[in-house]
Amino acid sequence: MTMASLKPTSESFTFGIPALAIACAVVSVFFTSGCSSIGTKGKLETELAKSQSDLPTYKVILADVMGGEPTIYVGHISKPMTVQDALVDSGAVDKFKGMKIDLARKVPDRSEVLRLEINYDHKESKVIEEWNYAIHPGDEILVHREDVGALSAVFKSMGG
């Protein structure tokens, strides 16, 4: 085989320009119709919002120590979750090192609200397993910052 036989000739490209025009047309049709069949980002966000609005919710209320307005996070229960999951999703774990946590749960068929204290291990940055309750629809988790430094330990030991 010689180098001359490897060079393309006009006979080796039988499709030529018409094939290129057809390929461009197919690609342009694919891109213009493909986007509308897939949906735009706005449509996807709307569909996601619709599907989440049907899900039961819970609240995490992050109380500010300095007396400012609390931050309220409303989460959707799309799968089984615990208090720890709710704290992570709300950003409480990142915001507070030490926390005092209470869970308020409405008792079904009664007008009572059950209050559960949640013990949090600030060294491990997680809820202690025995207090890591499952989240129910309508639960409210109240989170207060708790000082965990050496100075606060001294004050606590003195009864302060």
Protein backbone atom coordinates (compact mmCIF):
# COMPACT_ATOMS: atom_id res chain seq x y z
CA MET A 1 0.00 0.00 0.00
CA THR A 2 1.35 3.37 -0.96
CA MET A 3 0.74 6.73 0.64
CA ALA A 4 -1.10 7.82 -2.49
CA SER A 5 -3.76 5.14 -1.92
CA LEU A 6 -4.44 6.46 1.63
CA LYS A 7 -5.25 10.01 0.47
CA PRO A 8 -8.97 10.71 0.21
CA THR A 9 -10.28 11.26 -3.27
CA SER A 10 -13.58 12.65 -4.45
CA GLU A 11 -14.73 9.06 -5.12
CA SER A 12 -14.16 7.98 -1.49
CA PHE A 13 -16.68 10.55 -0.17
CA THR A 14 -19.89 9.62 -1.92
CA PHE A 15 -22.14 11.54 0.49
CA GLY A 16 -20.41 14.92 0.22
CA ILE A 17 -22.22 18.19 0.98
CA PRO A 18 -25.83 16.88 0.96
CA ALA A 19 -25.01 14.42 3.76
CA LEU A 20 -23.48 17.21 5.81
CA ALA A 21 -26.59 19.36 5.32
CA ILE A 22 -28.86 16.50 6.40
CA ALA A 23 -26.71 15.82 9.48
CA CYS A 24 -26.86 19.50 10.46
CA ALA A 25 -30.63 19.53 10.03
CA VAL A 26 -31.05 16.42 12.19
CA VAL A 27 -28.83 17.84 14.92
CA SER A 28 -30.66 21.18 14.95
CA VAL A 29 -34.07 19.46 15.15
CA PHE A 30 -32.77 17.29 17.99
CA PHE A 31 -31.55 20.28 19.99
CA THR A 32 -34.59 22.48 19.43
CA SER A 33 -37.20 19.79 20.14
CA GLY A 34 -35.16 17.96 22.78
CA CYS A 35 -35.09 20.89 25.19
CA SER A 36 -38.86 21.36 25.11
CA SER A 37 -39.49 17.67 25.70
CA ILE A 38 -37.05 17.53 28.61
CA GLY A 39 -38.32 20.73 30.24
CA THR A 40 -36.58 23.85 31.37
CA LYS A 41 -35.04 24.50 34.77
CA GLY A 42 -38.03 26.63 35.76
CA LYS A 43 -40.46 23.83 34.90
CA LEU A 44 -38.42 21.31 36.88
CA GLU A 45 -38.29 23.61 39.91
CA THR A 46 -42.05 24.14 39.69
CA GLU A 47 -42.68 20.40 39.51
CA LEU A 48 -40.36 19.83 42.48
CA ALA A 49 -42.13 22.54 44.48
CA LYS A 50 -45.52 20.97 43.66
CA SER A 51 -44.34 17.54 44.75
CA GLN A 52 -42.81 18.93 47.97
CA SER A 53 -45.95 20.90 48.82
CA ASP A 54 -47.79 17.58 49.09
CA LEU A 55 -45.28 16.26 51.65
CA PRO A 56 -45.77 16.59 55.41
CA THR A 57 -43.60 19.23 57.09
CA TYR A 58 -41.70 19.89 60.30
CA LYS A 59 -40.07 23.03 61.70
CA VAL A 60 -36.71 23.74 63.26
CA ILE A 61 -36.66 27.01 65.19
CA LEU A 62 -33.15 28.36 65.83
CA ALA A 63 -33.41 30.77 68.75
CA ASP A 64 -30.80 33.51 68.93
CA VAL A 65 -29.12 33.87 72.32
CA MET A 66 -28.89 37.65 72.00
CA GLY A 67 -32.67 38.00 71.78
CA GLY A 68 -32.86 38.50 68.03
CA GLU A 69 -35.54 37.06 65.81
CA PRO A 70 -35.44 33.26 65.61
CA THR A 71 -34.67 31.59 62.31
CA ILE A 72 -37.40 29.17 61.25
CA TYR A 73 -36.59 26.34 58.87
CA VAL A 74 -39.50 24.39 57.36
CA GLY A 75 -38.48 20.95 56.14
CA HIS A 76 -40.35 18.34 54.14
CA ILE A 77 -40.53 14.72 55.24
CA SER A 78 -39.86 12.74 52.08
CA LYS A 79 -38.37 9.69 53.81
CA PRO A 80 -38.05 8.43 57.40
CA MET A 81 -35.92 10.91 59.32
CA THR A 82 -34.75 11.64 62.84
CA VAL A 83 -34.06 14.72 64.96
CA GLN A 84 -30.39 14.55 63.89
CA ASP A 85 -31.40 14.59 60.20
CA ALA A 86 -33.61 17.65 60.82
CA LEU A 87 -30.80 19.48 62.62
CA VAL A 88 -28.38 18.81 59.77
CA ASP A 89 -30.90 19.82 57.08
CA SER A 90 -31.76 23.06 58.91
CA GLY A 91 -28.11 24.06 59.36
CA ALA A 92 -28.32 24.02 63.17
CA VAL A 93 -25.32 21.67 63.46
CA ASP A 94 -23.18 24.15 61.52
CA LYS A 95 -24.53 27.21 63.33
CA PHE A 96 -24.33 26.04 66.97
CA LYS A 97 -21.61 23.93 68.57
CA GLY A 98 -23.59 23.28 71.73
CA MET A 99 -27.37 23.09 71.73
CA LYS A 100 -30.29 22.75 74.09
CA ILE A 101 -33.01 21.06 72.08
CA ASP A 102 -36.72 20.51 72.74
CA LEU A 103 -39.13 18.67 70.49
CA ALA A 104 -42.78 19.76 70.54
CA ARG A 105 -45.19 17.18 69.13
CA LYS A 106 -48.96 17.48 68.89
CA VAL A 107 -50.71 14.49 70.41
CA PRO A 108 -53.16 13.02 67.87
CA ASP A 109 -56.86 13.37 68.76
CA ARG A 110 -56.06 15.66 71.70
CA SER A 111 -55.29 19.32 72.13
CA GLU A 112 -52.07 18.57 74.03
CA VAL A 113 -48.53 19.24 72.95
CA LEU A 114 -45.95 16.74 74.14
CA ARG A 115 -42.56 18.30 74.96
CA LEU A 116 -39.51 16.07 74.72
CA GLU A 117 -36.04 17.16 75.78
CA ILE A 118 -33.31 16.06 73.36
CA ASN A 119 -29.79 15.43 74.64
CA TYR A 120 -27.06 16.57 72.27
CA ASP A 121 -23.41 15.51 72.38
CA HIS A 122 -21.50 18.64 71.35
CA LYS A 123 -18.18 16.77 71.22
CA GLU A 124 -19.55 14.35 68.61
CA SER A 125 -21.86 17.00 67.04
CA LYS A 126 -24.85 14.70 67.13
CA VAL A 127 -27.98 13.83 69.05
CA ILE A 128 -27.42 11.05 71.57
CA GLU A 129 -28.99 7.93 70.06
CA GLU A 130 -31.54 7.32 72.86
CA TRP A 131 -33.01 10.80 72.20
CA ASN A 132 -32.80 10.73 68.41
CA TYR A 133 -36.56 10.40 67.88
CA ALA A 134 -38.25 9.93 64.53
CA ILE A 135 -39.70 13.10 63.04
CA HIS A 136 -43.49 13.17 62.69
CA PRO A 137 -45.53 15.56 60.53
CA GLY A 138 -46.06 18.85 62.37
CA ASP A 139 -43.14 18.39 64.79
CA GLU A 140 -41.38 21.55 65.95
CA ILE A 141 -37.80 21.42 67.14
CA LEU A 142 -36.70 24.37 69.26
CA VAL A 143 -32.93 24.86 69.32
CA HIS A 144 -31.13 27.21 71.73
CA ARG A 145 -27.41 27.85 71.60
CA GLU A 146 -25.66 26.40 74.62
CA ASP A 147 -22.20 27.51 75.69
CA VAL A 148 -19.84 24.55 75.79
CA GLY A 149 -16.55 26.26 76.61
CA ALA A 150 -14.44 25.76 79.74
CA LEU A 151 -15.70 28.98 81.32
CA SER A 152 -19.35 27.96 80.96
CA ALA A 153 -18.52 24.59 82.57
CA VAL A 154 -17.11 26.43 85.60
CA PHE A 155 -20.26 28.55 85.91
CA LYS A 156 -22.48 25.48 85.63
CA SER A 157 -20.53 23.67 88.33
CA MET A 158 -21.01 26.68 90.62
CA GLY A 159 -24.77 26.54 90.03
CA GLY A 160 -24.91 29.44 87.57
